[in-house]
N, C-alpha and C. Protein backbone atom coordinates (compact mmCIF):
# COMPACT_ATOMS: atom_id res chain seq x y z
N MET A 1 66.61 -20.19 22.69
CA MET A 1 66.36 -18.76 22.79
C MET A 1 65.73 -18.43 24.14
N LYS A 2 65.91 -17.17 24.55
CA LYS A 2 65.32 -16.73 25.81
C LYS A 2 64.31 -15.61 25.55
N ILE A 3 63.20 -15.67 26.29
CA ILE A 3 62.16 -14.65 26.19
C ILE A 3 62.04 -13.99 27.55
N LYS A 4 62.27 -12.68 27.60
CA LYS A 4 62.14 -11.95 28.86
C LYS A 4 61.07 -10.86 28.70
N TRP A 5 60.12 -10.85 29.64
CA TRP A 5 59.06 -9.84 29.63
C TRP A 5 59.55 -8.61 30.35
N LEU A 6 59.53 -7.47 29.64
CA LEU A 6 59.98 -6.21 30.21
C LEU A 6 58.81 -5.32 30.61
N GLY A 7 57.60 -5.86 30.56
CA GLY A 7 56.40 -5.12 30.91
C GLY A 7 55.58 -4.74 29.69
N HIS A 8 54.26 -4.71 29.87
CA HIS A 8 53.31 -4.29 28.83
C HIS A 8 53.45 -5.22 27.61
N ALA A 9 53.80 -4.69 26.44
CA ALA A 9 53.97 -5.54 25.26
C ALA A 9 55.43 -5.64 24.86
N CYS A 10 56.31 -5.30 25.79
CA CYS A 10 57.74 -5.25 25.51
C CYS A 10 58.43 -6.53 26.00
N PHE A 11 59.09 -7.20 25.08
CA PHE A 11 59.85 -8.41 25.38
C PHE A 11 61.26 -8.27 24.82
N LYS A 12 62.19 -8.97 25.47
CA LYS A 12 63.53 -9.14 24.91
C LYS A 12 63.66 -10.59 24.48
N LEU A 13 63.92 -10.80 23.19
CA LEU A 13 64.11 -12.13 22.64
C LEU A 13 65.59 -12.29 22.31
N THR A 14 66.23 -13.28 22.92
CA THR A 14 67.67 -13.45 22.75
C THR A 14 67.98 -14.79 22.11
N ALA A 15 68.63 -14.75 20.95
CA ALA A 15 69.01 -15.97 20.24
C ALA A 15 70.23 -16.60 20.89
N GLU A 16 70.48 -17.84 20.55
CA GLU A 16 71.63 -18.55 21.13
C GLU A 16 72.95 -17.86 20.82
N ASP A 17 73.03 -17.17 19.68
CA ASP A 17 74.28 -16.48 19.32
C ASP A 17 74.37 -15.08 19.93
N GLY A 18 73.39 -14.71 20.75
CA GLY A 18 73.42 -13.43 21.45
C GLY A 18 72.67 -12.30 20.76
N THR A 19 72.23 -12.53 19.54
CA THR A 19 71.44 -11.51 18.84
C THR A 19 70.16 -11.23 19.62
N THR A 20 69.86 -9.95 19.82
CA THR A 20 68.75 -9.57 20.68
C THR A 20 67.72 -8.72 19.95
N ILE A 21 66.45 -9.07 20.14
CA ILE A 21 65.32 -8.32 19.61
C ILE A 21 64.53 -7.76 20.78
N VAL A 22 64.13 -6.49 20.69
CA VAL A 22 63.22 -5.90 21.67
C VAL A 22 61.94 -5.49 20.93
N THR A 23 60.81 -5.87 21.49
CA THR A 23 59.53 -5.56 20.87
C THR A 23 58.82 -4.43 21.62
N ASP A 24 58.19 -3.54 20.88
CA ASP A 24 57.28 -2.51 21.41
C ASP A 24 57.76 -1.82 22.69
N PRO A 25 58.89 -1.11 22.64
CA PRO A 25 59.36 -0.40 23.83
C PRO A 25 58.42 0.76 24.20
N PHE A 26 58.30 1.03 25.49
CA PHE A 26 57.36 2.04 25.98
C PHE A 26 58.09 3.18 26.68
N ASP A 27 57.37 4.31 26.86
CA ASP A 27 57.98 5.43 27.57
C ASP A 27 57.61 5.39 29.06
N ASP A 28 58.14 6.34 29.83
CA ASP A 28 57.99 6.25 31.28
C ASP A 28 56.59 6.60 31.77
N SER A 29 55.71 7.08 30.89
CA SER A 29 54.34 7.38 31.33
C SER A 29 53.49 6.13 31.49
N VAL A 30 53.96 5.00 30.97
CA VAL A 30 53.18 3.76 31.06
C VAL A 30 53.09 3.27 32.51
N GLY A 31 54.17 3.43 33.25
CA GLY A 31 54.15 3.04 34.67
C GLY A 31 55.19 2.01 35.05
N TYR A 32 55.53 1.13 34.12
CA TYR A 32 56.62 0.19 34.40
C TYR A 32 57.95 0.94 34.42
N PRO A 33 58.91 0.45 35.19
CA PRO A 33 60.25 1.03 35.09
C PRO A 33 60.76 0.90 33.66
N MET A 34 61.40 1.92 33.16
CA MET A 34 61.90 1.88 31.79
C MET A 34 62.92 0.75 31.66
N PRO A 35 62.82 -0.06 30.64
CA PRO A 35 63.75 -1.17 30.49
C PRO A 35 65.18 -0.70 30.23
N ASP A 36 66.14 -1.30 30.93
CA ASP A 36 67.56 -1.03 30.70
C ASP A 36 68.07 -2.16 29.82
N VAL A 37 67.98 -1.96 28.52
CA VAL A 37 68.20 -3.08 27.62
C VAL A 37 68.88 -2.62 26.33
N ARG A 38 69.75 -3.48 25.82
CA ARG A 38 70.39 -3.27 24.51
C ARG A 38 69.73 -4.19 23.49
N ALA A 39 69.81 -3.78 22.23
CA ALA A 39 69.21 -4.62 21.19
C ALA A 39 69.96 -4.48 19.89
N ASP A 40 69.84 -5.50 19.06
CA ASP A 40 70.30 -5.45 17.67
C ASP A 40 69.15 -5.07 16.74
N ILE A 41 67.94 -5.44 17.16
CA ILE A 41 66.73 -5.19 16.37
C ILE A 41 65.64 -4.72 17.32
N VAL A 42 64.89 -3.70 16.93
CA VAL A 42 63.74 -3.25 17.71
C VAL A 42 62.53 -3.19 16.79
N THR A 43 61.44 -3.85 17.21
CA THR A 43 60.22 -3.82 16.41
C THR A 43 59.16 -2.98 17.11
N SER A 44 58.30 -2.36 16.30
CA SER A 44 57.19 -1.57 16.81
C SER A 44 55.94 -1.93 16.03
N SER A 45 54.91 -2.38 16.74
CA SER A 45 53.69 -2.84 16.07
C SER A 45 52.84 -1.68 15.57
N HIS A 46 53.00 -0.51 16.19
CA HIS A 46 52.26 0.69 15.77
C HIS A 46 52.83 1.89 16.51
N SER A 47 52.48 3.08 16.03
CA SER A 47 53.16 4.30 16.51
C SER A 47 52.42 4.97 17.67
N HIS A 48 52.17 4.21 18.74
CA HIS A 48 51.64 4.78 19.98
C HIS A 48 52.74 4.80 21.02
N PHE A 49 52.65 5.75 21.98
CA PHE A 49 53.74 6.00 22.94
C PHE A 49 54.13 4.77 23.76
N ASP A 50 53.18 3.85 23.93
CA ASP A 50 53.48 2.67 24.75
C ASP A 50 53.98 1.50 23.92
N HIS A 51 54.34 1.78 22.66
CA HIS A 51 54.82 0.70 21.78
C HIS A 51 55.96 1.12 20.85
N ASN A 52 56.36 2.39 20.88
CA ASN A 52 57.38 2.81 19.91
C ASN A 52 58.41 3.79 20.49
N TYR A 53 58.69 3.67 21.79
CA TYR A 53 59.65 4.59 22.39
C TYR A 53 61.07 4.01 22.24
N PHE A 54 61.65 4.25 21.09
CA PHE A 54 62.95 3.66 20.75
C PHE A 54 64.09 4.17 21.63
N LYS A 55 63.90 5.36 22.21
CA LYS A 55 64.95 5.92 23.08
C LYS A 55 65.18 5.08 24.33
N ALA A 56 64.23 4.22 24.64
CA ALA A 56 64.39 3.36 25.82
C ALA A 56 65.43 2.27 25.60
N VAL A 57 65.80 2.03 24.36
CA VAL A 57 66.69 0.91 24.02
C VAL A 57 68.09 1.43 23.68
N LYS A 58 69.10 0.72 24.18
CA LYS A 58 70.48 1.11 23.94
C LYS A 58 71.07 0.32 22.77
N GLY A 59 72.19 0.84 22.25
CA GLY A 59 72.89 0.14 21.20
C GLY A 59 72.56 0.65 19.81
N LYS A 60 73.29 0.14 18.83
CA LYS A 60 73.03 0.48 17.43
C LYS A 60 72.12 -0.60 16.85
N PHE A 61 70.83 -0.30 16.85
CA PHE A 61 69.87 -1.32 16.44
C PHE A 61 69.14 -0.89 15.16
N GLU A 62 68.62 -1.88 14.48
CA GLU A 62 67.78 -1.63 13.32
C GLU A 62 66.32 -1.66 13.75
N ILE A 63 65.55 -0.70 13.25
CA ILE A 63 64.12 -0.62 13.57
C ILE A 63 63.31 -1.31 12.49
N VAL A 64 62.39 -2.16 12.91
CA VAL A 64 61.45 -2.79 11.98
C VAL A 64 60.04 -2.37 12.41
N ASP A 65 59.41 -1.54 11.61
CA ASP A 65 58.06 -1.06 11.90
C ASP A 65 57.19 -1.07 10.65
N ARG A 66 57.51 -2.02 9.75
CA ARG A 66 56.77 -2.13 8.50
C ARG A 66 56.37 -3.59 8.26
N THR A 67 55.35 -3.76 7.46
CA THR A 67 54.95 -5.11 7.07
C THR A 67 55.95 -5.66 6.04
N GLY A 68 55.77 -6.92 5.70
CA GLY A 68 56.64 -7.55 4.71
C GLY A 68 57.71 -8.41 5.36
N GLU A 69 58.62 -8.90 4.55
CA GLU A 69 59.65 -9.82 5.02
C GLU A 69 60.99 -9.10 5.19
N HIS A 70 61.64 -9.38 6.30
CA HIS A 70 62.92 -8.76 6.63
C HIS A 70 63.88 -9.87 7.07
N ASN A 71 65.16 -9.69 6.79
CA ASN A 71 66.18 -10.62 7.25
C ASN A 71 67.33 -9.81 7.82
N ILE A 72 67.44 -9.80 9.15
CA ILE A 72 68.43 -8.96 9.82
C ILE A 72 69.27 -9.84 10.74
N LYS A 73 70.57 -9.79 10.55
CA LYS A 73 71.52 -10.57 11.37
C LYS A 73 71.13 -12.06 11.43
N GLY A 74 70.65 -12.57 10.30
CA GLY A 74 70.30 -13.98 10.21
C GLY A 74 68.95 -14.35 10.78
N ILE A 75 68.21 -13.36 11.27
CA ILE A 75 66.87 -13.63 11.82
C ILE A 75 65.81 -13.18 10.83
N LYS A 76 64.95 -14.10 10.46
CA LYS A 76 63.86 -13.78 9.55
C LYS A 76 62.69 -13.18 10.34
N ILE A 77 62.19 -12.06 9.84
CA ILE A 77 61.07 -11.37 10.48
C ILE A 77 60.03 -11.09 9.42
N LYS A 78 58.78 -11.37 9.76
CA LYS A 78 57.68 -11.10 8.82
C LYS A 78 56.63 -10.27 9.53
N GLY A 79 56.21 -9.18 8.89
CA GLY A 79 55.18 -8.32 9.45
C GLY A 79 53.87 -8.45 8.69
N ILE A 80 52.79 -8.70 9.41
CA ILE A 80 51.46 -8.89 8.83
C ILE A 80 50.56 -7.75 9.26
N SER A 81 49.88 -7.13 8.32
CA SER A 81 48.99 -6.01 8.63
C SER A 81 47.68 -6.49 9.27
N THR A 82 47.36 -5.89 10.43
CA THR A 82 46.09 -6.15 11.11
C THR A 82 45.57 -4.80 11.60
N PHE A 83 44.57 -4.82 12.49
CA PHE A 83 44.01 -3.57 12.99
C PHE A 83 44.02 -3.51 14.51
N HIS A 84 44.00 -2.27 15.01
CA HIS A 84 44.05 -2.00 16.44
C HIS A 84 42.64 -2.03 17.06
N ASP A 85 41.65 -2.30 16.25
CA ASP A 85 40.26 -2.30 16.73
C ASP A 85 39.43 -3.22 15.83
N GLU A 86 38.15 -3.32 16.16
CA GLU A 86 37.26 -4.22 15.40
C GLU A 86 36.56 -3.51 14.25
N GLU A 87 36.96 -2.28 13.95
CA GLU A 87 36.32 -1.50 12.89
C GLU A 87 37.30 -1.14 11.79
N GLN A 88 38.15 -2.11 11.42
CA GLN A 88 39.11 -1.93 10.32
C GLN A 88 40.01 -0.72 10.53
N GLY A 89 40.34 -0.46 11.78
CA GLY A 89 41.25 0.63 12.09
C GLY A 89 40.61 1.99 12.25
N ALA A 90 39.29 2.07 12.16
CA ALA A 90 38.61 3.37 12.24
C ALA A 90 38.80 4.05 13.58
N LYS A 91 38.93 3.27 14.66
CA LYS A 91 39.11 3.84 16.00
C LYS A 91 40.57 4.13 16.33
N ARG A 92 41.44 3.15 16.08
CA ARG A 92 42.82 3.28 16.57
C ARG A 92 43.89 3.00 15.51
N GLY A 93 43.48 2.79 14.28
CA GLY A 93 44.47 2.60 13.22
C GLY A 93 44.91 1.16 13.03
N LYS A 94 46.04 1.02 12.35
CA LYS A 94 46.55 -0.30 12.00
C LYS A 94 47.49 -0.84 13.07
N ASN A 95 47.73 -2.13 12.99
CA ASN A 95 48.63 -2.85 13.91
C ASN A 95 49.40 -3.88 13.09
N ILE A 96 50.65 -4.09 13.45
CA ILE A 96 51.45 -5.11 12.75
C ILE A 96 51.72 -6.28 13.68
N VAL A 97 51.41 -7.46 13.20
CA VAL A 97 51.78 -8.70 13.87
C VAL A 97 53.14 -9.13 13.31
N PHE A 98 54.09 -9.40 14.18
CA PHE A 98 55.42 -9.82 13.74
C PHE A 98 55.68 -11.28 14.07
N ILE A 99 56.26 -11.99 13.10
CA ILE A 99 56.70 -13.37 13.30
C ILE A 99 58.22 -13.40 13.18
N PHE A 100 58.86 -13.98 14.19
CA PHE A 100 60.32 -14.09 14.23
C PHE A 100 60.72 -15.56 14.15
N GLU A 101 61.72 -15.86 13.36
CA GLU A 101 62.29 -17.22 13.35
C GLU A 101 63.64 -17.16 14.05
N ILE A 102 63.69 -17.71 15.27
CA ILE A 102 64.88 -17.63 16.10
C ILE A 102 65.25 -19.04 16.57
N ASP A 103 66.43 -19.50 16.21
CA ASP A 103 66.91 -20.82 16.64
C ASP A 103 65.91 -21.93 16.33
N GLY A 104 65.26 -21.82 15.17
CA GLY A 104 64.30 -22.85 14.76
C GLY A 104 62.94 -22.74 15.42
N VAL A 105 62.73 -21.68 16.21
CA VAL A 105 61.45 -21.46 16.89
C VAL A 105 60.75 -20.26 16.27
N ARG A 106 59.46 -20.42 15.95
CA ARG A 106 58.68 -19.32 15.38
C ARG A 106 57.89 -18.62 16.49
N VAL A 107 58.26 -17.37 16.73
CA VAL A 107 57.62 -16.55 17.77
C VAL A 107 56.74 -15.51 17.10
N CYS A 108 55.49 -15.40 17.57
CA CYS A 108 54.55 -14.44 17.00
C CYS A 108 54.16 -13.41 18.06
N HIS A 109 54.47 -12.15 17.79
CA HIS A 109 54.11 -11.04 18.69
C HIS A 109 52.93 -10.30 18.07
N MET A 110 51.80 -10.28 18.79
CA MET A 110 50.56 -9.77 18.21
C MET A 110 50.39 -8.26 18.31
N GLY A 111 51.30 -7.56 19.00
CA GLY A 111 51.14 -6.12 19.15
C GLY A 111 49.83 -5.80 19.85
N ASP A 112 49.17 -4.73 19.40
CA ASP A 112 47.87 -4.35 19.98
C ASP A 112 46.73 -4.85 19.08
N LEU A 113 46.70 -6.13 18.83
CA LEU A 113 45.65 -6.70 17.99
C LEU A 113 44.28 -6.38 18.59
N GLY A 114 43.37 -5.90 17.74
CA GLY A 114 42.06 -5.50 18.24
C GLY A 114 40.91 -6.32 17.74
N HIS A 115 41.19 -7.47 17.13
CA HIS A 115 40.12 -8.28 16.54
C HIS A 115 40.59 -9.72 16.37
N VAL A 116 39.63 -10.61 16.22
CA VAL A 116 39.95 -12.00 15.87
C VAL A 116 40.46 -12.01 14.43
N LEU A 117 41.41 -12.89 14.14
CA LEU A 117 42.05 -12.90 12.83
C LEU A 117 41.13 -13.39 11.72
N THR A 118 41.38 -12.90 10.52
CA THR A 118 40.69 -13.43 9.34
C THR A 118 41.43 -14.69 8.88
N GLU A 119 40.80 -15.45 8.04
CA GLU A 119 41.45 -16.66 7.50
C GLU A 119 42.71 -16.30 6.74
N LYS A 120 42.65 -15.20 6.00
CA LYS A 120 43.81 -14.76 5.24
C LYS A 120 44.98 -14.42 6.17
N GLN A 121 44.68 -13.72 7.26
CA GLN A 121 45.74 -13.37 8.21
C GLN A 121 46.34 -14.60 8.88
N VAL A 122 45.49 -15.56 9.21
CA VAL A 122 45.99 -16.81 9.80
C VAL A 122 46.95 -17.49 8.84
N ASN A 123 46.59 -17.54 7.55
CA ASN A 123 47.45 -18.17 6.55
C ASN A 123 48.75 -17.40 6.37
N GLU A 124 48.68 -16.07 6.42
CA GLU A 124 49.88 -15.25 6.27
C GLU A 124 50.83 -15.44 7.45
N ILE A 125 50.27 -15.57 8.64
CA ILE A 125 51.10 -15.77 9.83
C ILE A 125 51.77 -17.14 9.80
N GLY A 126 51.03 -18.16 9.42
CA GLY A 126 51.59 -19.50 9.32
C GLY A 126 51.76 -20.17 10.68
N PRO A 127 52.59 -21.22 10.75
CA PRO A 127 52.77 -21.96 12.01
C PRO A 127 53.36 -21.08 13.10
N VAL A 128 52.87 -21.27 14.33
CA VAL A 128 53.37 -20.49 15.47
C VAL A 128 53.76 -21.45 16.58
N ASP A 129 54.99 -21.31 17.07
CA ASP A 129 55.44 -22.09 18.23
C ASP A 129 55.14 -21.36 19.53
N VAL A 130 55.51 -20.08 19.58
CA VAL A 130 55.30 -19.27 20.79
C VAL A 130 54.48 -18.04 20.42
N LEU A 131 53.38 -17.84 21.12
CA LEU A 131 52.48 -16.72 20.85
C LEU A 131 52.52 -15.72 22.00
N LEU A 132 52.82 -14.47 21.69
CA LEU A 132 52.79 -13.38 22.65
C LEU A 132 51.55 -12.55 22.34
N ILE A 133 50.55 -12.58 23.23
CA ILE A 133 49.23 -12.08 22.86
C ILE A 133 48.63 -11.16 23.92
N PRO A 134 48.03 -10.03 23.49
CA PRO A 134 47.37 -9.14 24.46
C PRO A 134 46.07 -9.77 24.96
N VAL A 135 45.77 -9.54 26.23
CA VAL A 135 44.58 -10.18 26.82
C VAL A 135 43.75 -9.21 27.67
N GLY A 136 44.18 -7.96 27.78
CA GLY A 136 43.56 -7.03 28.72
C GLY A 136 42.28 -6.37 28.29
N GLY A 137 41.98 -6.41 26.98
CA GLY A 137 40.77 -5.77 26.51
C GLY A 137 40.88 -4.26 26.44
N TYR A 138 39.78 -3.61 26.13
CA TYR A 138 39.62 -2.16 26.01
C TYR A 138 40.39 -1.61 24.81
N TYR A 139 41.73 -1.63 24.85
CA TYR A 139 42.54 -1.17 23.72
C TYR A 139 42.81 -2.31 22.73
N THR A 140 42.68 -3.53 23.20
CA THR A 140 43.04 -4.71 22.41
C THR A 140 41.95 -5.78 22.58
N ILE A 141 42.20 -6.94 22.01
CA ILE A 141 41.32 -8.08 22.29
C ILE A 141 41.32 -8.39 23.78
N ASP A 142 40.21 -8.95 24.25
CA ASP A 142 40.11 -9.33 25.66
C ASP A 142 40.43 -10.82 25.82
N ALA A 143 40.23 -11.33 27.02
CA ALA A 143 40.61 -12.72 27.32
C ALA A 143 39.88 -13.72 26.41
N LYS A 144 38.56 -13.54 26.23
CA LYS A 144 37.80 -14.48 25.40
C LYS A 144 38.25 -14.45 23.94
N GLN A 145 38.48 -13.23 23.43
CA GLN A 145 38.95 -13.13 22.05
C GLN A 145 40.36 -13.70 21.90
N ALA A 146 41.17 -13.52 22.93
CA ALA A 146 42.53 -14.07 22.89
C ALA A 146 42.49 -15.60 22.80
N VAL A 147 41.54 -16.20 23.49
CA VAL A 147 41.38 -17.66 23.40
C VAL A 147 41.01 -18.05 21.97
N GLU A 148 40.14 -17.27 21.33
CA GLU A 148 39.77 -17.55 19.93
C GLU A 148 40.99 -17.48 19.02
N VAL A 149 41.82 -16.46 19.21
CA VAL A 149 43.02 -16.31 18.38
C VAL A 149 43.99 -17.46 18.64
N MET A 150 44.10 -17.87 19.90
CA MET A 150 44.92 -19.05 20.21
C MET A 150 44.47 -20.27 19.43
N LYS A 151 43.15 -20.48 19.38
CA LYS A 151 42.61 -21.64 18.65
C LYS A 151 42.89 -21.51 17.15
N GLN A 152 42.90 -20.28 16.65
CA GLN A 152 43.19 -20.07 15.23
C GLN A 152 44.63 -20.42 14.89
N LEU A 153 45.56 -20.11 15.79
CA LEU A 153 46.98 -20.26 15.51
C LEU A 153 47.60 -21.52 16.11
N ASN A 154 46.97 -22.06 17.14
CA ASN A 154 47.39 -23.33 17.73
C ASN A 154 48.87 -23.37 18.13
N PRO A 155 49.31 -22.39 18.94
CA PRO A 155 50.71 -22.37 19.36
C PRO A 155 51.00 -23.44 20.41
N LYS A 156 52.27 -23.76 20.58
CA LYS A 156 52.68 -24.69 21.63
C LYS A 156 52.80 -23.99 22.98
N ILE A 157 53.26 -22.74 22.96
CA ILE A 157 53.37 -21.96 24.19
C ILE A 157 52.71 -20.61 23.95
N THR A 158 51.84 -20.19 24.86
CA THR A 158 51.22 -18.87 24.77
C THR A 158 51.61 -18.06 26.01
N ILE A 159 52.08 -16.85 25.76
CA ILE A 159 52.47 -15.94 26.85
C ILE A 159 51.60 -14.68 26.74
N PRO A 160 50.75 -14.42 27.73
CA PRO A 160 49.91 -13.22 27.69
C PRO A 160 50.70 -11.95 27.96
N MET A 161 50.18 -10.83 27.43
CA MET A 161 50.81 -9.52 27.64
C MET A 161 49.72 -8.44 27.62
N HIS A 162 50.13 -7.20 27.84
CA HIS A 162 49.24 -6.05 27.73
C HIS A 162 48.00 -6.21 28.62
N TYR A 163 48.26 -6.41 29.90
CA TYR A 163 47.18 -6.51 30.87
C TYR A 163 47.54 -5.69 32.10
N LYS A 164 46.56 -5.47 32.95
CA LYS A 164 46.75 -4.61 34.12
C LYS A 164 47.59 -5.30 35.19
N THR A 165 48.54 -4.56 35.72
CA THR A 165 49.33 -5.01 36.87
C THR A 165 49.42 -3.86 37.86
N GLU A 166 50.14 -4.05 38.93
CA GLU A 166 50.28 -3.00 39.94
C GLU A 166 51.01 -1.77 39.41
N TYR A 167 51.69 -1.93 38.27
CA TYR A 167 52.50 -0.83 37.75
C TYR A 167 51.73 0.14 36.87
N ILE A 168 50.60 -0.27 36.33
CA ILE A 168 49.88 0.59 35.38
C ILE A 168 48.44 0.79 35.81
N ASP A 169 47.88 1.94 35.40
CA ASP A 169 46.49 2.22 35.74
C ASP A 169 45.61 2.33 34.49
N PHE A 170 46.04 1.71 33.40
CA PHE A 170 45.21 1.67 32.20
C PHE A 170 43.90 0.94 32.52
N PRO A 171 42.80 1.30 31.84
CA PRO A 171 41.50 0.66 32.10
C PRO A 171 41.39 -0.70 31.41
N ILE A 172 42.32 -1.59 31.75
CA ILE A 172 42.35 -2.93 31.14
C ILE A 172 42.26 -3.98 32.24
N ASP A 173 41.98 -5.20 31.84
CA ASP A 173 41.78 -6.30 32.78
C ASP A 173 43.12 -6.89 33.21
N THR A 174 43.11 -7.60 34.31
CA THR A 174 44.30 -8.35 34.74
C THR A 174 44.41 -9.63 33.91
N VAL A 175 45.43 -10.40 34.16
CA VAL A 175 45.65 -11.65 33.43
C VAL A 175 44.76 -12.79 33.95
N ASP A 176 44.10 -12.58 35.09
CA ASP A 176 43.41 -13.67 35.78
C ASP A 176 42.35 -14.37 34.92
N ASN A 177 41.51 -13.61 34.25
CA ASN A 177 40.45 -14.22 33.44
C ASN A 177 41.03 -15.10 32.34
N PHE A 178 42.08 -14.62 31.71
CA PHE A 178 42.70 -15.40 30.64
C PHE A 178 43.28 -16.70 31.18
N LEU A 179 43.93 -16.64 32.32
CA LEU A 179 44.50 -17.86 32.90
C LEU A 179 43.41 -18.85 33.30
N LYS A 180 42.27 -18.34 33.78
CA LYS A 180 41.15 -19.23 34.13
C LYS A 180 40.59 -19.92 32.90
N LEU A 181 40.44 -19.15 31.82
CA LEU A 181 39.86 -19.70 30.59
C LEU A 181 40.76 -20.74 29.93
N THR A 182 42.05 -20.64 30.17
CA THR A 182 43.02 -21.51 29.49
C THR A 182 43.70 -22.52 30.41
N ASN A 183 43.33 -22.51 31.70
CA ASN A 183 44.04 -23.35 32.69
C ASN A 183 45.54 -23.06 32.67
N GLY A 184 45.86 -21.79 32.46
CA GLY A 184 47.25 -21.40 32.40
C GLY A 184 47.87 -21.23 33.78
N GLU A 185 49.17 -21.05 33.80
CA GLU A 185 49.89 -20.87 35.06
C GLU A 185 50.73 -19.61 35.00
N GLN A 186 50.97 -19.02 36.16
CA GLN A 186 51.89 -17.90 36.25
C GLN A 186 53.14 -18.37 36.96
N ILE A 187 54.28 -18.13 36.35
CA ILE A 187 55.54 -18.56 36.95
C ILE A 187 56.22 -17.36 37.62
N PRO A 188 57.00 -17.58 38.69
CA PRO A 188 57.62 -16.49 39.43
C PRO A 188 58.90 -15.98 38.78
N SER A 189 58.87 -15.79 37.49
CA SER A 189 60.04 -15.32 36.75
C SER A 189 59.58 -14.47 35.58
N SER A 190 60.43 -13.55 35.17
CA SER A 190 60.12 -12.73 33.99
C SER A 190 60.69 -13.33 32.72
N GLU A 191 61.38 -14.46 32.86
CA GLU A 191 62.10 -15.03 31.72
C GLU A 191 61.78 -16.50 31.51
N LEU A 192 61.75 -16.89 30.25
CA LEU A 192 61.50 -18.28 29.88
C LEU A 192 62.48 -18.67 28.78
N GLU A 193 63.12 -19.82 28.94
CA GLU A 193 63.99 -20.33 27.90
C GLU A 193 63.22 -21.36 27.08
N VAL A 194 63.28 -21.22 25.77
CA VAL A 194 62.53 -22.12 24.88
C VAL A 194 63.47 -22.71 23.85
N LYS A 195 63.47 -24.03 23.78
CA LYS A 195 64.24 -24.73 22.75
C LYS A 195 63.28 -25.53 21.88
N LYS A 196 63.72 -25.81 20.67
CA LYS A 196 62.86 -26.51 19.72
C LYS A 196 62.33 -27.82 20.31
N GLU A 197 63.18 -28.50 21.04
CA GLU A 197 62.77 -29.79 21.62
C GLU A 197 61.74 -29.63 22.74
N ASP A 198 61.63 -28.41 23.28
CA ASP A 198 60.65 -28.17 24.35
C ASP A 198 59.22 -28.06 23.82
N LEU A 199 59.08 -28.01 22.51
CA LEU A 199 57.77 -27.73 21.92
C LEU A 199 56.95 -28.98 21.65
N GLU A 200 57.46 -30.11 22.08
CA GLU A 200 56.70 -31.35 21.94
C GLU A 200 55.67 -31.45 23.07
N GLY A 201 54.66 -32.25 22.84
CA GLY A 201 53.69 -32.49 23.92
C GLY A 201 52.57 -31.47 23.97
N GLN A 202 51.93 -31.40 25.12
CA GLN A 202 50.73 -30.59 25.29
C GLN A 202 51.05 -29.09 25.27
N ALA A 203 50.14 -28.33 24.66
CA ALA A 203 50.30 -26.87 24.61
C ALA A 203 50.20 -26.29 26.02
N ARG A 204 50.92 -25.20 26.25
CA ARG A 204 50.94 -24.58 27.57
C ARG A 204 50.67 -23.09 27.48
N VAL A 205 50.04 -22.55 28.51
CA VAL A 205 49.85 -21.11 28.67
C VAL A 205 50.65 -20.70 29.90
N ILE A 206 51.59 -19.77 29.71
CA ILE A 206 52.48 -19.38 30.80
C ILE A 206 52.52 -17.86 30.90
N ALA A 207 52.07 -17.34 32.02
CA ALA A 207 52.20 -15.90 32.29
C ALA A 207 53.49 -15.65 33.04
N LEU A 208 54.27 -14.71 32.57
CA LEU A 208 55.50 -14.35 33.24
C LEU A 208 55.22 -13.31 34.31
N THR A 209 56.08 -13.18 35.27
CA THR A 209 55.92 -12.21 36.36
C THR A 209 56.93 -11.09 36.18
N PHE A 210 56.44 -9.86 36.08
CA PHE A 210 57.34 -8.73 35.88
C PHE A 210 58.27 -8.57 37.08
N GLN A 211 59.56 -8.36 36.77
CA GLN A 211 60.55 -8.14 37.82
C GLN A 211 61.41 -6.95 37.45
N LYS A 212 61.66 -6.06 38.40
CA LYS A 212 62.50 -4.89 38.14
C LYS A 212 63.93 -5.31 37.87
């Protein structure tokens, strides 16, 4: 499968058979160029403008914006209820964590997670191969909390998201602190190919580089 970062919390996940998932599409006020992308499935972790702009995506796609188990075009998707803040949603409401099973790889997209996970949530999420996690703070967990969540889920590959770049002026942190805390690396590409056999060995933290 291929994982392409389209900016902010938006990724394109492409299965070997060509089935495509787009996560948390954003509108043009966010600052990144609007993604020119088609999808079979589009997920939204919560109903904020920077995570649910479905008009940005082309094609006849199915929207998944609810918790529970879904099976679309042979891809299993599970949505777990979490919160957008540390006060049980009192500040910013609820958030959905999505787990995708694609080509034998379990990908977990954390949306705008605002807190460290409970034991129950960790159990509901289950094993994670690839973790897509916010690290910018302010609206979501920050770098230190993201490290805690990583330890809870123990993924083989972690890809940070939802952090400040030259394209956005949100009051959030850059990816630098998270990479320092995790000895992670930034690669000069917006895309990463992941196969089941690649998940052996030492866990890695890889930041992708946004490309127009």
